[in-house]
Amino acid sequence: MKALISRALPEEALAIARTAADLEIWPGEVPPPREALLEIVADCDGLLCLLTDRVDFALLDRAPRLRVVSQMAVGYDNIDIAACTSRGIRVGNTPGVLTETTADLAFALLMAAARRVTEAERYLRSGSWQTWSPMLLTGPDIHHATLGIVGLGRIGYEMARRARGFEMRILYTNRTRNEAAERDFGAERVNLDTLLRESDFVSIHTPLSPETRHLIGAPELAKMKPTAVFVNTARGPVVDQRALYEALRDREIAAAGIDVFEVEPLPMDDPLLTLDNVVLLPHIGSASIATRTKMAVLAANNLVSGLKGEPLPHPVN
């Protein structure tokens, strides 16, 4: 059998994949162009892909032999699950292994935006620092503040754990009650309006779906405190990015830390890049060496199981 791996991966993962198939590996950091992807996948039995690879009707129609799609990510909105299921194609993802690492990054963004870390570094590097000044580059305290978590799943739970170390009050919204977070961290389930109004920090941890697309827009941002800090490490389209820019520009909210965007990579003419009160990262939420290796290995195991006709360790459909 033959499988396409749409990006270079750690050797630990490739060794696993090679036990079940001949591999075609797209080299380098840039994803394969659409036409190249369609051409290569035409005679493949398996596909190990990333969020940047669109798996839709057009691709599936070009790949009659395809029996498994293994996504190296938790989210899978780039994959037409219904179309795969109707063709008997198994789809897998990589949940769990990136939970704590992504929560680490989300809390790092929260702290960096609140304490103006990147702004202060730019200030120093530019030669602007002349003396110690009582109110120079001041920001809000994190300890004892209120954190609002939108989407209290695995990563949201770990975000709450980190917040408790700072003795923060924790509010959350979720489709279902998270009794573990309530018991372990004193989290309070509230509606979204209450969370936005009362939180000093708002952190997004909800998956992207038709219901959550632009969940946070201008009306929601307007409900936040003018001193609030907004963090998104979930998916870019959960937030109306233009509305976020305008809220930051007009100081309707104080600051933001953003790791994900509506268009990735972020275009160099995006207006967010003109602002000092936002920390911007290139989608590195799970980017620790150990975690990315675990993700690749898990994706390879999903791929191999699908090629062998066995149950996937982490199935989506």
C-alpha atoms as a PDB file:
ATOM      1  CA  MET A   1       0.000   0.000   0.000  1.00  0.00           C
ATOM      2  CA  LYS A   2       0.947   3.629  -0.404  1.00  0.00           C
ATOM      3  CA  ALA A   3       0.447   6.591   1.933  1.00  0.00           C
ATOM      4  CA  LEU A   4       1.049  10.294   1.606  1.00  0.00           C
ATOM      5  CA  ILE A   5       2.405  12.213   4.582  1.00  0.00           C
ATOM      6  CA  SER A   6       1.813  15.854   3.813  1.00  0.00           C
ATOM      7  CA  ARG A   7       4.708  17.271   5.818  1.00  0.00           C
ATOM      8  CA  ALA A   8       8.088  16.117   7.127  1.00  0.00           C
ATOM      9  CA  LEU A   9       7.631  14.402  10.521  1.00  0.00           C
ATOM     10  CA  PRO A  10       9.930  13.057  13.253  1.00  0.00           C
ATOM     11  CA  GLU A  11      11.601   9.778  12.348  1.00  0.00           C
ATOM     12  CA  GLU A  12       9.830   7.980  15.220  1.00  0.00           C
ATOM     13  CA  ALA A  13       6.520   8.511  13.426  1.00  0.00           C
ATOM     14  CA  LEU A  14       7.838   7.718   9.960  1.00  0.00           C
ATOM     15  CA  ALA A  15       9.266   4.403  11.157  1.00  0.00           C
ATOM     16  CA  ILE A  16       5.813   3.379  12.385  1.00  0.00           C
ATOM     17  CA  ALA A  17       4.130   4.412   9.128  1.00  0.00           C
ATOM     18  CA  ARG A  18       6.670   2.501   7.049  1.00  0.00           C
ATOM     19  CA  THR A  19       5.575  -0.773   8.655  1.00  0.00           C
ATOM     20  CA  ALA A  20       2.315  -0.603   6.695  1.00  0.00           C
ATOM     21  CA  ALA A  21       2.971   1.364   3.513  1.00  0.00           C
ATOM     22  CA  ASP A  22       5.391   2.879   1.077  1.00  0.00           C
ATOM     23  CA  LEU A  23       5.511   6.552   1.963  1.00  0.00           C
ATOM     24  CA  GLU A  24       5.519   9.674  -0.112  1.00  0.00           C
ATOM     25  CA  ILE A  25       6.545  12.542   2.161  1.00  0.00           C
ATOM     26  CA  TRP A  26       6.039  16.133   1.137  1.00  0.00           C
ATOM     27  CA  PRO A  27       9.301  17.867   2.091  1.00  0.00           C
ATOM     28  CA  GLY A  28       9.823  21.057   4.035  1.00  0.00           C
ATOM     29  CA  GLU A  29       7.638  23.331   6.127  1.00  0.00           C
ATOM     30  CA  VAL A  30       5.245  24.600   3.453  1.00  0.00           C
ATOM     31  CA  PRO A  31       2.124  22.494   2.737  1.00  0.00           C
ATOM     32  CA  PRO A  32       1.721  20.906  -0.683  1.00  0.00           C
ATOM     33  CA  PRO A  33      -0.107  23.086  -3.213  1.00  0.00           C
ATOM     34  CA  ARG A  34      -3.662  21.970  -3.842  1.00  0.00           C
ATOM     35  CA  GLU A  35      -2.996  20.507  -7.301  1.00  0.00           C
ATOM     36  CA  ALA A  36       0.052  18.612  -6.064  1.00  0.00           C
ATOM     37  CA  LEU A  37      -1.980  17.187  -3.179  1.00  0.00           C
ATOM     38  CA  LEU A  38      -4.730  16.038  -5.539  1.00  0.00           C
ATOM     39  CA  GLU A  39      -2.243  14.464  -7.913  1.00  0.00           C
ATOM     40  CA  ILE A  40      -0.265  12.565  -5.283  1.00  0.00           C
ATOM     41  CA  VAL A  41      -3.245  11.272  -3.327  1.00  0.00           C
ATOM     42  CA  ALA A  42      -4.836   9.755  -6.454  1.00  0.00           C
ATOM     43  CA  ASP A  43      -3.169   6.379  -5.930  1.00  0.00           C
ATOM     44  CA  CYS A  44      -2.823   6.455  -2.134  1.00  0.00           C
ATOM     45  CA  ASP A  45      -4.453   4.109   0.369  1.00  0.00           C
ATOM     46  CA  GLY A  46      -3.729   6.406   3.320  1.00  0.00           C
ATOM     47  CA  LEU A  47      -3.259  10.101   4.016  1.00  0.00           C
ATOM     48  CA  LEU A  48      -1.614  11.630   7.071  1.00  0.00           C
ATOM     49  CA  CYS A  49      -2.469  15.314   6.914  1.00  0.00           C
ATOM     50  CA  LEU A  50      -2.460  18.588   8.814  1.00  0.00           C
ATOM     51  CA  LEU A  51      -5.023  21.340   9.357  1.00  0.00           C
ATOM     52  CA  THR A  52      -3.637  23.109   6.291  1.00  0.00           C
ATOM     53  CA  ASP A  53      -4.720  20.261   3.982  1.00  0.00           C
ATOM     54  CA  ARG A  54      -8.339  20.383   2.787  1.00  0.00           C
ATOM     55  CA  VAL A  55      -9.898  16.926   2.544  1.00  0.00           C
ATOM     56  CA  ASP A  56     -13.164  17.454   0.684  1.00  0.00           C
ATOM     57  CA  PHE A  57     -15.299  15.901  -2.059  1.00  0.00           C
ATOM     58  CA  ALA A  58     -12.850  16.957  -4.759  1.00  0.00           C
ATOM     59  CA  LEU A  59      -9.945  15.221  -3.053  1.00  0.00           C
ATOM     60  CA  LEU A  60     -11.914  12.106  -2.185  1.00  0.00           C
ATOM     61  CA  ASP A  61     -13.145  11.786  -5.773  1.00  0.00           C
ATOM     62  CA  ARG A  62      -9.528  11.809  -6.916  1.00  0.00           C
ATOM     63  CA  ALA A  63      -8.513   9.114  -4.411  1.00  0.00           C
ATOM     64  CA  PRO A  64     -10.628   5.981  -4.980  1.00  0.00           C
ATOM     65  CA  ARG A  65      -8.222   3.765  -3.004  1.00  0.00           C
ATOM     66  CA  LEU A  66      -8.205   5.930   0.106  1.00  0.00           C
ATOM     67  CA  ARG A  67      -9.196   4.023   3.239  1.00  0.00           C
ATOM     68  CA  VAL A  68      -7.873   6.196   6.100  1.00  0.00           C
ATOM     69  CA  VAL A  69      -7.257   9.896   6.784  1.00  0.00           C
ATOM     70  CA  SER A  70      -5.121  10.547   9.851  1.00  0.00           C
ATOM     71  CA  GLN A  71      -5.051  14.136  11.048  1.00  0.00           C
ATOM     72  CA  MET A  72      -2.085  15.347  13.106  1.00  0.00           C
ATOM     73  CA  ALA A  73      -4.252  17.701  15.182  1.00  0.00           C
ATOM     74  CA  VAL A  74      -7.171  17.644  17.572  1.00  0.00           C
ATOM     75  CA  GLY A  75      -9.439  19.721  15.333  1.00  0.00           C
ATOM     76  CA  TYR A  76     -10.601  18.391  11.972  1.00  0.00           C
ATOM     77  CA  ASP A  77     -12.809  21.056  10.404  1.00  0.00           C
ATOM     78  CA  ASN A  78     -10.607  20.856   7.287  1.00  0.00           C
ATOM     79  CA  ILE A  79     -11.948  17.335   6.700  1.00  0.00           C
ATOM     80  CA  ASP A  80     -15.414  16.548   5.341  1.00  0.00           C
ATOM     81  CA  ILE A  81     -16.222  13.847   7.884  1.00  0.00           C
ATOM     82  CA  ALA A  82     -19.611  12.986   6.384  1.00  0.00           C
ATOM     83  CA  ALA A  83     -18.089  12.497   2.935  1.00  0.00           C
ATOM     84  CA  CYS A  84     -15.354  10.257   4.356  1.00  0.00           C
ATOM     85  CA  THR A  85     -17.872   8.224   6.331  1.00  0.00           C
ATOM     86  CA  SER A  86     -20.126   7.723   3.319  1.00  0.00           C
ATOM     87  CA  ARG A  87     -17.141   6.264   1.448  1.00  0.00           C
ATOM     88  CA  GLY A  88     -16.077   4.019   4.324  1.00  0.00           C
ATOM     89  CA  ILE A  89     -12.935   6.064   4.952  1.00  0.00           C
ATOM     90  CA  ARG A  90     -11.823   6.112   8.572  1.00  0.00           C
ATOM     91  CA  VAL A  91     -10.714   9.421  10.071  1.00  0.00           C
ATOM     92  CA  GLY A  92      -8.508   9.787  13.133  1.00  0.00           C
ATOM     93  CA  ASN A  93      -7.080  12.692  15.116  1.00  0.00           C
ATOM     94  CA  THR A  94      -4.604  13.254  17.957  1.00  0.00           C
ATOM     95  CA  PRO A  95      -6.434  14.358  21.123  1.00  0.00           C
ATOM     96  CA  GLY A  96      -5.059  14.357  24.643  1.00  0.00           C
ATOM     97  CA  VAL A  97      -1.327  14.503  23.952  1.00  0.00           C
ATOM     98  CA  LEU A  98      -1.251  18.269  23.377  1.00  0.00           C
ATOM     99  CA  THR A  99      -3.565  19.274  26.223  1.00  0.00           C
ATOM    100  CA  GLU A 100      -1.088  20.442  28.841  1.00  0.00           C
ATOM    101  CA  THR A 101       1.347  21.965  26.353  1.00  0.00           C
ATOM    102  CA  THR A 102      -1.385  24.081  24.771  1.00  0.00           C
ATOM    103  CA  ALA A 103      -2.605  25.177  28.203  1.00  0.00           C
ATOM    104  CA  ASP A 104       0.964  26.200  29.053  1.00  0.00           C
ATOM    105  CA  LEU A 105       1.098  28.372  25.942  1.00  0.00           C
ATOM    106  CA  ALA A 106      -2.334  29.893  26.594  1.00  0.00           C
ATOM    107  CA  PHE A 107      -1.316  30.916  30.091  1.00  0.00           C
ATOM    108  CA  ALA A 108       1.996  32.240  28.786  1.00  0.00           C
ATOM    109  CA  LEU A 109       0.073  34.417  26.328  1.00  0.00           C
ATOM    110  CA  LEU A 110      -2.214  35.603  29.115  1.00  0.00           C
ATOM    111  CA  MET A 111       0.774  36.652  31.203  1.00  0.00           C
ATOM    112  CA  ALA A 112       2.692  38.181  28.293  1.00  0.00           C
ATOM    113  CA  ALA A 113      -0.272  40.286  27.192  1.00  0.00           C
ATOM    114  CA  ALA A 114      -1.149  41.385  30.734  1.00  0.00           C
ATOM    115  CA  ARG A 115       2.398  42.323  31.716  1.00  0.00           C
ATOM    116  CA  ARG A 116       3.193  43.750  28.261  1.00  0.00           C
ATOM    117  CA  VAL A 117       6.222  41.500  27.854  1.00  0.00           C
ATOM    118  CA  THR A 118       6.743  41.773  24.098  1.00  0.00           C
ATOM    119  CA  GLU A 119       5.912  45.475  24.105  1.00  0.00           C
ATOM    120  CA  ALA A 120       8.487  46.021  26.861  1.00  0.00           C
ATOM    121  CA  GLU A 121      11.133  44.058  24.983  1.00  0.00           C
ATOM    122  CA  ARG A 122      10.556  46.142  21.843  1.00  0.00           C
ATOM    123  CA  TYR A 123      10.788  49.272  24.000  1.00  0.00           C
ATOM    124  CA  LEU A 124      14.145  48.180  25.397  1.00  0.00           C
ATOM    125  CA  ARG A 125      15.584  47.043  22.060  1.00  0.00           C
ATOM    126  CA  SER A 126      14.603  50.321  20.405  1.00  0.00           C
ATOM    127  CA  GLY A 127      16.717  52.305  22.857  1.00  0.00           C
ATOM    128  CA  SER A 128      13.674  54.056  24.340  1.00  0.00           C
ATOM    129  CA  TRP A 129      14.421  53.007  27.933  1.00  0.00           C
ATOM    130  CA  GLN A 130      15.953  56.026  29.685  1.00  0.00           C
ATOM    131  CA  THR A 131      15.284  55.397  33.375  1.00  0.00           C
ATOM    132  CA  TRP A 132      13.119  53.525  35.871  1.00  0.00           C
ATOM    133  CA  SER A 133       9.717  55.164  36.005  1.00  0.00           C
ATOM    134  CA  PRO A 134       6.904  54.367  38.455  1.00  0.00           C
ATOM    135  CA  MET A 135       4.176  53.792  35.844  1.00  0.00           C
ATOM    136  CA  LEU A 136       6.268  52.676  32.886  1.00  0.00           C
ATOM    137  CA  LEU A 137       4.686  49.735  30.997  1.00  0.00           C
ATOM    138  CA  THR A 138       2.361  48.830  33.841  1.00  0.00           C
ATOM    139  CA  GLY A 139      -0.366  46.231  33.366  1.00  0.00           C
ATOM    140  CA  PRO A 140      -2.978  44.381  35.414  1.00  0.00           C
ATOM    141  CA  ASP A 141      -2.227  41.832  38.110  1.00  0.00           C
ATOM    142  CA  ILE A 142      -2.977  38.214  37.290  1.00  0.00           C
ATOM    143  CA  HIS A 143      -3.175  36.812  40.813  1.00  0.00           C
ATOM    144  CA  HIS A 144      -6.619  37.049  42.431  1.00  0.00           C
ATOM    145  CA  ALA A 145      -8.182  38.211  39.131  1.00  0.00           C
ATOM    146  CA  THR A 146     -11.140  36.531  37.398  1.00  0.00           C
ATOM    147  CA  LEU A 147     -10.508  34.213  34.456  1.00  0.00           C
ATOM    148  CA  GLY A 148     -13.341  33.365  32.075  1.00  0.00           C
ATOM    149  CA  ILE A 149     -12.849  30.140  30.115  1.00  0.00           C
ATOM    150  CA  VAL A 150     -14.996  29.697  27.001  1.00  0.00           C
ATOM    151  CA  GLY A 151     -15.124  25.947  26.398  1.00  0.00           C
ATOM    152  CA  LEU A 152     -14.072  23.878  29.408  1.00  0.00           C
ATOM    153  CA  GLY A 153     -12.882  20.688  27.783  1.00  0.00           C
ATOM    154  CA  ARG A 154      -9.481  19.068  28.278  1.00  0.00           C
ATOM    155  CA  ILE A 155      -7.425  22.167  27.528  1.00  0.00           C
ATOM    156  CA  GLY A 156      -9.830  24.475  29.348  1.00  0.00           C
ATOM    157  CA  TYR A 157      -9.586  22.236  32.407  1.00  0.00           C
ATOM    158  CA  GLU A 158      -5.795  22.488  32.370  1.00  0.00           C
ATOM    159  CA  MET A 159      -6.082  26.265  31.954  1.00  0.00           C
ATOM    160  CA  ALA A 160      -8.217  26.326  35.098  1.00  0.00           C
ATOM    161  CA  ARG A 161      -5.587  24.272  36.930  1.00  0.00           C
ATOM    162  CA  ARG A 162      -2.931  26.830  36.088  1.00  0.00           C
ATOM    163  CA  ALA A 163      -5.203  29.687  37.092  1.00  0.00           C
ATOM    164  CA  ARG A 164      -5.737  28.204  40.531  1.00  0.00           C
ATOM    165  CA  GLY A 165      -2.006  28.520  41.137  1.00  0.00           C
ATOM    166  CA  PHE A 166      -2.572  32.274  40.889  1.00  0.00           C
ATOM    167  CA  GLU A 167      -5.643  32.051  43.141  1.00  0.00           C
ATOM    168  CA  MET A 168      -7.866  33.271  40.331  1.00  0.00           C
ATOM    169  CA  ARG A 169     -11.643  33.116  40.381  1.00  0.00           C
ATOM    170  CA  ILE A 170     -12.700  30.878  37.481  1.00  0.00           C
ATOM    171  CA  LEU A 171     -15.857  31.313  35.411  1.00  0.00           C
ATOM    172  CA  TYR A 172     -16.685  29.077  32.475  1.00  0.00           C
ATOM    173  CA  THR A 173     -19.181  28.426  29.713  1.00  0.00           C
ATOM    174  CA  ASN A 174     -19.645  24.993  28.241  1.00  0.00           C
ATOM    175  CA  ARG A 175     -22.392  22.974  26.586  1.00  0.00           C
ATOM    176  CA  THR A 176     -22.391  20.671  29.604  1.00  0.00           C
ATOM    177  CA  ARG A 177     -21.465  21.117  33.218  1.00  0.00           C
ATOM    178  CA  ASN A 178     -17.867  20.248  34.129  1.00  0.00           C
ATOM    179  CA  GLU A 179     -18.255  18.836  37.600  1.00  0.00           C
ATOM    180  CA  ALA A 180     -14.548  17.971  37.863  1.00  0.00           C
ATOM    181  CA  ALA A 181     -13.501  21.594  37.310  1.00  0.00           C
ATOM    182  CA  GLU A 182     -16.124  22.802  39.759  1.00  0.00           C
ATOM    183  CA  ARG A 183     -14.913  20.355  42.389  1.00  0.00           C
ATOM    184  CA  ASP A 184     -11.178  20.714  41.769  1.00  0.00           C
ATOM    185  CA  PHE A 185     -10.876  24.446  41.096  1.00  0.00           C
ATOM    186  CA  GLY A 186     -14.103  26.021  42.282  1.00  0.00           C
ATOM    187  CA  ALA A 187     -15.071  26.886  38.713  1.00  0.00           C
ATOM    188  CA  GLU A 188     -18.480  28.540  38.273  1.00  0.00           C
ATOM    189  CA  ARG A 189     -20.605  27.805  35.210  1.00  0.00           C
ATOM    190  CA  VAL A 190     -22.251  30.974  33.864  1.00  0.00           C
ATOM    191  CA  ASN A 191     -23.684  32.174  30.558  1.00  0.00           C
ATOM    192  CA  LEU A 192     -21.434  33.879  28.046  1.00  0.00           C
ATOM    193  CA  ASP A 193     -22.715  37.399  28.777  1.00  0.00           C
ATOM    194  CA  THR A 194     -21.947  37.054  32.481  1.00  0.00           C
ATOM    195  CA  LEU A 195     -18.520  35.624  31.771  1.00  0.00           C
ATOM    196  CA  LEU A 196     -17.628  38.484  29.446  1.00  0.00           C
ATOM    197  CA  ARG A 197     -18.864  41.172  31.832  1.00  0.00           C
ATOM    198  CA  GLU A 198     -17.178  39.829  34.966  1.00  0.00           C
ATOM    199  CA  SER A 199     -13.873  38.423  33.698  1.00  0.00           C
ATOM    200  CA  ASP A 200     -10.546  40.218  33.839  1.00  0.00           C
ATOM    201  CA  PHE A 201      -9.146  37.639  31.420  1.00  0.00           C
ATOM    202  CA  VAL A 202     -11.080  35.684  28.769  1.00  0.00           C
ATOM    203  CA  SER A 203      -9.502  32.589  27.217  1.00  0.00           C
ATOM    204  CA  ILE A 204     -11.030  30.682  24.287  1.00  0.00           C
ATOM    205  CA  HIS A 205     -10.857  26.868  24.266  1.00  0.00           C
ATOM    206  CA  THR A 206     -13.829  25.828  22.163  1.00  0.00           C
ATOM    207  CA  PRO A 207     -13.584  23.780  18.960  1.00  0.00           C
ATOM    208  CA  LEU A 208     -14.494  25.342  15.642  1.00  0.00           C
ATOM    209  CA  SER A 209     -17.944  24.396  14.364  1.00  0.00           C
ATOM    210  CA  PRO A 210     -20.758  26.180  12.534  1.00  0.00           C
ATOM    211  CA  GLU A 211     -22.128  27.133  15.956  1.00  0.00           C
ATOM    212  CA  THR A 212     -18.855  28.594  17.240  1.00  0.00           C
ATOM    213  CA  ARG A 213     -17.721  30.444  14.096  1.00  0.00           C
ATOM    214  CA  HIS A 214     -17.450  34.127  15.109  1.00  0.00           C
ATOM    215  CA  LEU A 215     -18.729  33.220  18.559  1.00  0.00           C
ATOM    216  CA  ILE A 216     -16.780  36.272  19.723  1.00  0.00           C
ATOM    217  CA  GLY A 217     -17.554  39.369  17.667  1.00  0.00           C
ATOM    218  CA  ALA A 218     -18.078  43.074  18.195  1.00  0.00           C
ATOM    219  CA  PRO A 219     -21.145  42.684  20.482  1.00  0.00           C
ATOM    220  CA  GLU A 220     -19.313  40.221  22.722  1.00  0.00           C
ATOM    221  CA  LEU A 221     -16.107  42.253  22.891  1.00  0.00           C
ATOM    222  CA  ALA A 222     -18.134  45.339  23.801  1.00  0.00           C
ATOM    223  CA  LYS A 223     -19.394  43.537  26.915  1.00  0.00           C
ATOM    224  CA  MET A 224     -15.875  43.006  28.245  1.00  0.00           C
ATOM    225  CA  LYS A 225     -14.163  45.289  30.728  1.00  0.00           C
ATOM    226  CA  PRO A 226     -11.953  48.005  29.195  1.00  0.00           C
ATOM    227  CA  THR A 227      -9.160  46.566  31.358  1.00  0.00           C
ATOM    228  CA  ALA A 228      -9.714  42.976  30.155  1.00  0.00           C
ATOM    229  CA  VAL A 229      -7.219  40.776  28.352  1.00  0.00           C
ATOM    230  CA  PHE A 230      -8.406  38.371  25.632  1.00  0.00           C
ATOM    231  CA  VAL A 231      -6.588  35.129  24.719  1.00  0.00           C
ATOM    232  CA  ASN A 232      -7.252  32.744  21.821  1.00  0.00           C
ATOM    233  CA  THR A 233      -5.313  29.514  21.353  1.00  0.00           C
ATOM    234  CA  ALA A 234      -8.284  27.512  19.985  1.00  0.00           C
ATOM    235  CA  ARG A 235      -9.134  28.254  16.355  1.00  0.00           C
ATOM    236  CA  GLY A 236      -8.948  31.591  14.566  1.00  0.00           C
ATOM    237  CA  PRO A 237     -12.468  31.706  13.071  1.00  0.00           C
ATOM    238  CA  VAL A 238     -14.053  31.393  16.516  1.00  0.00           C
ATOM    239  CA  VAL A 239     -13.272  35.124  16.742  1.00  0.00           C
ATOM    240  CA  ASP A 240     -14.240  37.894  14.340  1.00  0.00           C
ATOM    241  CA  GLN A 241     -10.693  39.098  13.772  1.00  0.00           C
ATOM    242  CA  ARG A 242     -11.660  42.496  12.371  1.00  0.00           C
ATOM    243  CA  ALA A 243     -13.859  43.140  15.406  1.00  0.00           C
ATOM    244  CA  LEU A 244     -10.985  42.126  17.693  1.00  0.00           C
ATOM    245  CA  TYR A 245      -8.657  44.541  15.921  1.00  0.00           C
ATOM    246  CA  GLU A 246     -11.141  47.383  16.308  1.00  0.00           C
ATOM    247  CA  ALA A 247     -11.715  46.615  19.998  1.00  0.00           C
ATOM    248  CA  LEU A 248      -7.967  46.673  20.636  1.00  0.00           C
ATOM    249  CA  ARG A 249      -7.415  49.773  18.496  1.00  0.00           C
ATOM    250  CA  ASP A 250     -10.172  51.687  20.269  1.00  0.00           C
ATOM    251  CA  ARG A 251      -9.094  50.387  23.698  1.00  0.00           C
ATOM    252  CA  GLU A 252     -12.476  48.759  24.293  1.00  0.00           C
ATOM    253  CA  ILE A 253     -10.327  45.994  25.788  1.00  0.00           C
ATOM    254  CA  ALA A 254      -6.818  46.411  27.124  1.00  0.00           C
ATOM    255  CA  ALA A 255      -4.834  43.710  25.377  1.00  0.00           C
ATOM    256  CA  ALA A 256      -4.869  40.318  23.677  1.00  0.00           C
ATOM    257  CA  GLY A 257      -2.685  37.280  23.135  1.00  0.00           C
ATOM    258  CA  ILE A 258      -3.435  35.430  19.898  1.00  0.00           C
ATOM    259  CA  ASP A 259      -1.944  32.192  18.538  1.00  0.00           C
ATOM    260  CA  VAL A 260      -4.542  31.380  15.846  1.00  0.00           C
ATOM    261  CA  PHE A 261      -6.040  33.443  13.044  1.00  0.00           C
ATOM    262  CA  GLU A 262      -8.846  33.430  10.504  1.00  0.00           C
ATOM    263  CA  VAL A 263      -6.248  33.257   7.718  1.00  0.00           C
ATOM    264  CA  GLU A 264      -2.951  31.471   8.380  1.00  0.00           C
ATOM    265  CA  PRO A 265      -0.234  32.472   7.967  1.00  0.00           C
ATOM    266  CA  LEU A 266      -1.259  35.942   9.094  1.00  0.00           C
ATOM    267  CA  PRO A 267      -0.936  38.298   6.090  1.00  0.00           C
ATOM    268  CA  MET A 268       1.764  40.899   6.601  1.00  0.00           C
ATOM    269  CA  ASP A 269      -0.728  43.678   5.883  1.00  0.00           C
ATOM    270  CA  ASP A 270      -3.132  42.537   8.618  1.00  0.00           C
ATOM    271  CA  PRO A 271      -4.009  45.519  10.842  1.00  0.00           C
ATOM    272  CA  LEU A 272      -3.344  43.526  14.015  1.00  0.00           C
ATOM    273  CA  LEU A 273       0.343  43.898  13.216  1.00  0.00           C
ATOM    274  CA  THR A 274       0.070  47.657  13.680  1.00  0.00           C
ATOM    275  CA  LEU A 275      -0.957  47.389  17.339  1.00  0.00           C
ATOM    276  CA  ASP A 276       1.278  47.347  20.402  1.00  0.00           C
ATOM    277  CA  ASN A 277      -1.336  45.905  22.771  1.00  0.00           C
ATOM    278  CA  VAL A 278      -1.498  42.438  21.240  1.00  0.00           C
ATOM    279  CA  VAL A 279       0.939  39.512  21.412  1.00  0.00           C
ATOM    280  CA  LEU A 280       0.881  37.523  18.159  1.00  0.00           C
ATOM    281  CA  LEU A 281       2.273  34.000  17.746  1.00  0.00           C
ATOM    282  CA  PRO A 282       2.419  31.714  14.658  1.00  0.00           C
ATOM    283  CA  HIS A 283       0.095  28.895  15.838  1.00  0.00           C
ATOM    284  CA  ILE A 284       2.593  27.275  18.216  1.00  0.00           C
ATOM    285  CA  GLY A 285       0.166  26.140  20.926  1.00  0.00           C
ATOM    286  CA  SER A 286       1.407  22.535  20.926  1.00  0.00           C
ATOM    287  CA  ALA A 287       4.962  23.321  19.818  1.00  0.00           C
ATOM    288  CA  SER A 288       7.063  21.527  22.351  1.00  0.00           C
ATOM    289  CA  ILE A 289       9.466  18.908  21.026  1.00  0.00           C
ATOM    290  CA  ALA A 290       7.933  16.139  23.126  1.00  0.00           C
ATOM    291  CA  THR A 291       4.340  16.996  22.294  1.00  0.00           C
ATOM    292  CA  ARG A 292       4.790  17.389  18.549  1.00  0.00           C
ATOM    293  CA  THR A 293       6.635  14.050  18.482  1.00  0.00           C
ATOM    294  CA  LYS A 294       3.807  12.376  20.421  1.00  0.00           C
ATOM    295  CA  MET A 295       1.253  13.870  18.009  1.00  0.00           C
ATOM    296  CA  ALA A 296       3.155  12.547  15.010  1.00  0.00           C
ATOM    297  CA  VAL A 297       3.454   9.085  16.530  1.00  0.00           C
ATOM    298  CA  LEU A 298      -0.237   8.993  17.374  1.00  0.00           C
ATOM    299  CA  ALA A 299      -1.126  10.098  13.840  1.00  0.00           C
ATOM    300  CA  ALA A 300       1.152   7.395  12.429  1.00  0.00           C
ATOM    301  CA  ASN A 301      -0.547   4.761  14.609  1.00  0.00           C
ATOM    302  CA  ASN A 302      -3.954   5.909  13.366  1.00  0.00           C
ATOM    303  CA  LEU A 303      -2.679   5.667   9.795  1.00  0.00           C
ATOM    304  CA  VAL A 304      -1.290   2.162  10.229  1.00  0.00           C
ATOM    305  CA  SER A 305      -4.434   0.868  11.947  1.00  0.00           C
ATOM    306  CA  GLY A 306      -6.601   2.257   9.162  1.00  0.00           C
ATOM    307  CA  LEU A 307      -4.437   0.710   6.466  1.00  0.00           C
ATOM    308  CA  LYS A 308      -4.667  -2.654   8.206  1.00  0.00           C
ATOM    309  CA  GLY A 309      -8.417  -2.406   8.605  1.00  0.00           C
ATOM    310  CA  GLU A 310      -8.153  -2.283  12.384  1.00  0.00           C
ATOM    311  CA  PRO A 311      -9.942   0.135  14.759  1.00  0.00           C
ATOM    312  CA  LEU A 312      -8.151   3.469  15.001  1.00  0.00           C
ATOM    313  CA  PRO A 313      -6.682   4.327  18.423  1.00  0.00           C
ATOM    314  CA  HIS A 314      -8.378   7.746  18.195  1.00  0.00           C
ATOM    315  CA  PRO A 315     -11.251   7.669  15.689  1.00  0.00           C
ATOM    316  CA  VAL A 316     -13.334  10.665  14.660  1.00  0.00           C
ATOM    317  CA  ASN A 317     -15.971   8.717  12.691  1.00  0.00           C
END
